[in-house]
Amino acid sequence: MADEQRRLNPTDQVRQRRAVVARWTLLANRVGYLVLALAVATFIIAFAIGFSSVLATTVVVCLIISFVLLAPSIVLGYAVKAAEREDLENNL
């Protein structure tokens, strides 16, 4: 009976926290890939018109920002998905 109530309880704090982490992870993924695309576009523009220190700095800064955002968000995204999958397999 307790297991059934726990499974049907929509206010499970662990699942709520997981949903918050998943939402932030999705946002970080989107922003990270957007900044990575900006870095690639800036590199192509710089390659076409000639590199300047401003364009090179912009590319490097965009790459650093995208890596800082993407590395943890990808790992956390997989962790959330694996935890949800394990809960479903164990009927929790």
N, C-alpha and C. Protein backbone atom coordinates (compact mmCIF):
# COMPACT_ATOMS: atom_id res chain seq x y z
N MET A 1 0.82 -1.19 0.00
CA MET A 1 0.00 0.00 0.00
C MET A 1 0.87 1.26 0.00
N ALA A 2 1.92 1.26 0.81
CA ALA A 2 2.78 2.42 0.88
C ALA A 2 3.50 2.65 -0.44
N ASP A 3 3.91 1.55 -1.11
CA ASP A 3 4.58 1.68 -2.40
C ASP A 3 3.65 2.29 -3.45
N GLU A 4 2.39 1.88 -3.42
CA GLU A 4 1.43 2.42 -4.37
C GLU A 4 1.18 3.90 -4.12
N GLN A 5 1.08 4.29 -2.87
CA GLN A 5 0.88 5.70 -2.55
C GLN A 5 2.09 6.52 -2.95
N ARG A 6 3.29 5.97 -2.75
CA ARG A 6 4.51 6.69 -3.12
C ARG A 6 4.58 6.87 -4.63
N ARG A 7 4.17 5.83 -5.38
CA ARG A 7 4.21 5.92 -6.83
C ARG A 7 3.19 6.90 -7.37
N LEU A 8 2.03 6.97 -6.74
CA LEU A 8 0.98 7.85 -7.21
C LEU A 8 1.09 9.26 -6.65
N ASN A 9 1.99 9.49 -5.73
CA ASN A 9 2.13 10.79 -5.10
C ASN A 9 2.87 11.75 -6.03
N PRO A 10 2.18 12.77 -6.53
CA PRO A 10 2.84 13.69 -7.46
C PRO A 10 3.76 14.68 -6.76
N THR A 11 3.76 14.70 -5.43
CA THR A 11 4.59 15.66 -4.71
C THR A 11 5.88 15.02 -4.20
N ASP A 12 6.34 13.98 -4.85
CA ASP A 12 7.59 13.34 -4.48
C ASP A 12 8.72 14.35 -4.65
N GLN A 13 9.44 14.64 -3.58
CA GLN A 13 10.46 15.68 -3.62
C GLN A 13 11.63 15.32 -4.53
N VAL A 14 11.97 14.06 -4.60
CA VAL A 14 13.08 13.64 -5.46
C VAL A 14 12.72 13.87 -6.93
N ARG A 15 11.51 13.49 -7.30
CA ARG A 15 11.10 13.70 -8.70
C ARG A 15 10.92 15.17 -9.03
N GLN A 16 10.46 15.96 -8.06
CA GLN A 16 10.36 17.40 -8.29
C GLN A 16 11.74 18.00 -8.51
N ARG A 17 12.69 17.60 -7.69
CA ARG A 17 14.05 18.12 -7.83
C ARG A 17 14.65 17.67 -9.16
N ARG A 18 14.38 16.43 -9.53
CA ARG A 18 14.86 15.91 -10.82
C ARG A 18 14.28 16.71 -11.98
N ALA A 19 13.01 17.08 -11.87
CA ALA A 19 12.37 17.88 -12.93
C ALA A 19 13.01 19.26 -13.03
N VAL A 20 13.35 19.84 -11.90
CA VAL A 20 14.02 21.14 -11.92
C VAL A 20 15.40 21.02 -12.56
N VAL A 21 16.14 19.99 -12.20
CA VAL A 21 17.46 19.78 -12.79
C VAL A 21 17.33 19.53 -14.29
N ALA A 22 16.33 18.77 -14.70
CA ALA A 22 16.12 18.51 -16.13
C ALA A 22 15.80 19.80 -16.88
N ARG A 23 15.00 20.65 -16.28
CA ARG A 23 14.64 21.92 -16.93
C ARG A 23 15.88 22.82 -17.10
N TRP A 24 16.69 22.93 -16.05
CA TRP A 24 17.91 23.74 -16.14
C TRP A 24 18.92 23.12 -17.11
N THR A 25 18.97 21.81 -17.13
CA THR A 25 19.87 21.12 -18.05
C THR A 25 19.48 21.40 -19.49
N LEU A 26 18.19 21.35 -19.77
CA LEU A 26 17.72 21.63 -21.12
C LEU A 26 18.05 23.06 -21.53
N LEU A 27 17.87 24.01 -20.62
CA LEU A 27 18.20 25.40 -20.91
C LEU A 27 19.69 25.57 -21.16
N ALA A 28 20.52 24.95 -20.32
CA ALA A 28 21.97 25.04 -20.49
C ALA A 28 22.41 24.41 -21.81
N ASN A 29 21.77 23.30 -22.19
CA ASN A 29 22.08 22.68 -23.48
C ASN A 29 21.76 23.62 -24.63
N ARG A 30 20.60 24.21 -24.59
CA ARG A 30 20.20 25.11 -25.68
C ARG A 30 21.12 26.31 -25.78
N VAL A 31 21.40 26.93 -24.65
CA VAL A 31 22.27 28.11 -24.67
C VAL A 31 23.69 27.71 -25.07
N GLY A 32 24.17 26.59 -24.55
CA GLY A 32 25.52 26.13 -24.87
C GLY A 32 25.69 25.85 -26.35
N TYR A 33 24.73 25.17 -26.94
CA TYR A 33 24.83 24.89 -28.39
C TYR A 33 24.65 26.16 -29.21
N LEU A 34 23.85 27.10 -28.73
CA LEU A 34 23.69 28.37 -29.43
C LEU A 34 25.01 29.15 -29.42
N VAL A 35 25.67 29.18 -28.28
CA VAL A 35 26.96 29.88 -28.19
C VAL A 35 28.02 29.16 -29.03
N LEU A 36 27.96 27.84 -29.07
CA LEU A 36 28.89 27.09 -29.92
C LEU A 36 28.66 27.42 -31.40
N ALA A 37 27.41 27.51 -31.80
CA ALA A 37 27.09 27.90 -33.18
C ALA A 37 27.57 29.32 -33.47
N LEU A 38 27.45 30.19 -32.48
CA LEU A 38 27.96 31.56 -32.64
C LEU A 38 29.48 31.55 -32.82
N ALA A 39 30.16 30.69 -32.08
CA ALA A 39 31.62 30.58 -32.22
C ALA A 39 32.00 30.10 -33.62
N VAL A 40 31.28 29.11 -34.11
CA VAL A 40 31.56 28.59 -35.45
C VAL A 40 31.28 29.66 -36.51
N ALA A 41 30.16 30.35 -36.38
CA ALA A 41 29.83 31.40 -37.35
C ALA A 41 30.86 32.53 -37.30
N THR A 42 31.28 32.91 -36.12
CA THR A 42 32.29 33.96 -35.99
C THR A 42 33.62 33.50 -36.60
N PHE A 43 33.96 32.24 -36.39
CA PHE A 43 35.20 31.72 -36.99
C PHE A 43 35.12 31.77 -38.51
N ILE A 44 34.00 31.37 -39.08
CA ILE A 44 33.85 31.39 -40.54
C ILE A 44 33.93 32.82 -41.08
N ILE A 45 33.28 33.74 -40.38
CA ILE A 45 33.35 35.15 -40.80
C ILE A 45 34.79 35.66 -40.70
N ALA A 46 35.46 35.34 -39.60
CA ALA A 46 36.84 35.78 -39.42
C ALA A 46 37.76 35.17 -40.48
N PHE A 47 37.51 33.92 -40.83
CA PHE A 47 38.31 33.26 -41.86
C PHE A 47 38.10 33.94 -43.22
N ALA A 48 36.86 34.36 -43.47
CA ALA A 48 36.54 34.97 -44.77
C ALA A 48 37.09 36.38 -44.89
N ILE A 49 37.00 37.17 -43.83
CA ILE A 49 37.41 38.58 -43.94
C ILE A 49 38.78 38.86 -43.34
N GLY A 50 39.36 37.89 -42.71
CA GLY A 50 40.67 38.08 -42.09
C GLY A 50 40.54 38.19 -40.57
N PHE A 51 41.39 37.47 -39.91
CA PHE A 51 41.32 37.44 -38.45
C PHE A 51 41.81 38.74 -37.85
N SER A 52 41.09 39.18 -36.85
CA SER A 52 41.54 40.31 -36.03
C SER A 52 41.54 39.81 -34.59
N SER A 53 42.13 40.58 -33.72
CA SER A 53 42.18 40.15 -32.33
C SER A 53 40.79 40.10 -31.70
N VAL A 54 39.92 40.97 -32.13
CA VAL A 54 38.55 40.98 -31.59
C VAL A 54 37.79 39.72 -32.01
N LEU A 55 37.89 39.35 -33.27
CA LEU A 55 37.20 38.15 -33.75
C LEU A 55 37.79 36.89 -33.13
N ALA A 56 39.09 36.83 -33.00
CA ALA A 56 39.72 35.66 -32.39
C ALA A 56 39.33 35.54 -30.92
N THR A 57 39.29 36.65 -30.23
CA THR A 57 38.88 36.65 -28.82
C THR A 57 37.42 36.24 -28.69
N THR A 58 36.59 36.70 -29.59
CA THR A 58 35.17 36.33 -29.57
C THR A 58 34.99 34.83 -29.76
N VAL A 59 35.73 34.26 -30.68
CA VAL A 59 35.65 32.81 -30.92
C VAL A 59 36.08 32.05 -29.67
N VAL A 60 37.18 32.44 -29.08
CA VAL A 60 37.69 31.74 -27.91
C VAL A 60 36.74 31.86 -26.73
N VAL A 61 36.23 33.05 -26.50
CA VAL A 61 35.29 33.26 -25.39
C VAL A 61 34.01 32.46 -25.60
N CYS A 62 33.50 32.45 -26.82
CA CYS A 62 32.29 31.66 -27.10
C CYS A 62 32.54 30.17 -26.90
N LEU A 63 33.69 29.68 -27.30
CA LEU A 63 34.03 28.27 -27.10
C LEU A 63 34.12 27.93 -25.61
N ILE A 64 34.75 28.79 -24.85
CA ILE A 64 34.88 28.54 -23.41
C ILE A 64 33.51 28.54 -22.74
N ILE A 65 32.67 29.50 -23.08
CA ILE A 65 31.33 29.56 -22.50
C ILE A 65 30.53 28.32 -22.87
N SER A 66 30.61 27.91 -24.13
CA SER A 66 29.83 26.74 -24.55
C SER A 66 30.32 25.47 -23.84
N PHE A 67 31.62 25.32 -23.68
CA PHE A 67 32.14 24.14 -23.00
C PHE A 67 31.76 24.14 -21.52
N VAL A 68 31.80 25.30 -20.89
CA VAL A 68 31.42 25.40 -19.48
C VAL A 68 29.94 25.04 -19.30
N LEU A 69 29.11 25.44 -20.23
CA LEU A 69 27.69 25.12 -20.14
C LEU A 69 27.38 23.69 -20.54
N LEU A 70 28.01 23.21 -21.60
CA LEU A 70 27.63 21.92 -22.15
C LEU A 70 28.16 20.73 -21.35
N ALA A 71 29.35 20.81 -20.84
CA ALA A 71 29.93 19.65 -20.15
C ALA A 71 29.07 19.18 -18.98
N PRO A 72 28.74 20.04 -18.02
CA PRO A 72 27.90 19.55 -16.91
C PRO A 72 26.46 19.27 -17.33
N SER A 73 25.93 20.04 -18.26
CA SER A 73 24.53 19.84 -18.62
C SER A 73 24.32 18.51 -19.35
N ILE A 74 25.27 18.09 -20.15
CA ILE A 74 25.14 16.80 -20.83
C ILE A 74 25.21 15.67 -19.81
N VAL A 75 26.15 15.76 -18.89
CA VAL A 75 26.29 14.71 -17.87
C VAL A 75 25.06 14.66 -16.98
N LEU A 76 24.59 15.81 -16.52
CA LEU A 76 23.40 15.84 -15.67
C LEU A 76 22.15 15.39 -16.42
N GLY A 77 22.07 15.71 -17.71
CA GLY A 77 20.93 15.25 -18.50
C GLY A 77 20.87 13.74 -18.58
N TYR A 78 22.02 13.11 -18.82
CA TYR A 78 22.06 11.64 -18.83
C TYR A 78 21.75 11.06 -17.46
N ALA A 79 22.21 11.72 -16.40
CA ALA A 79 21.96 11.23 -15.04
C ALA A 79 20.47 11.27 -14.72
N VAL A 80 19.81 12.34 -15.10
CA VAL A 80 18.36 12.46 -14.84
C VAL A 80 17.60 11.40 -15.61
N LYS A 81 17.95 11.21 -16.87
CA LYS A 81 17.27 10.19 -17.69
C LYS A 81 17.49 8.79 -17.13
N ALA A 82 18.71 8.51 -16.69
CA ALA A 82 19.00 7.18 -16.13
C ALA A 82 18.25 6.96 -14.82
N ALA A 83 18.16 7.99 -13.99
CA ALA A 83 17.44 7.85 -12.73
C ALA A 83 15.95 7.64 -12.97
N GLU A 84 15.38 8.36 -13.91
CA GLU A 84 13.96 8.17 -14.23
C GLU A 84 13.71 6.76 -14.80
N ARG A 85 14.62 6.32 -15.67
CA ARG A 85 14.47 4.98 -16.25
C ARG A 85 14.56 3.91 -15.16
N GLU A 86 15.48 4.09 -14.21
CA GLU A 86 15.62 3.11 -13.12
C GLU A 86 14.38 3.12 -12.22
N ASP A 87 13.83 4.30 -11.96
CA ASP A 87 12.60 4.36 -11.16
C ASP A 87 11.45 3.64 -11.85
N LEU A 88 11.34 3.81 -13.16
CA LEU A 88 10.27 3.13 -13.89
C LEU A 88 10.46 1.62 -13.90
N GLU A 89 11.71 1.18 -14.04
CA GLU A 89 11.98 -0.26 -14.04
C GLU A 89 11.71 -0.89 -12.68
N ASN A 90 11.95 -0.14 -11.61
CA ASN A 90 11.74 -0.65 -10.25
C ASN A 90 10.36 -0.32 -9.70
N ASN A 91 9.51 0.26 -10.54
CA ASN A 91 8.13 0.64 -10.16
C ASN A 91 8.11 1.54 -8.94
N LEU A 92 8.98 2.52 -8.91
CA LEU A 92 8.99 3.48 -7.80
C LEU A 92 8.22 4.72 -8.14
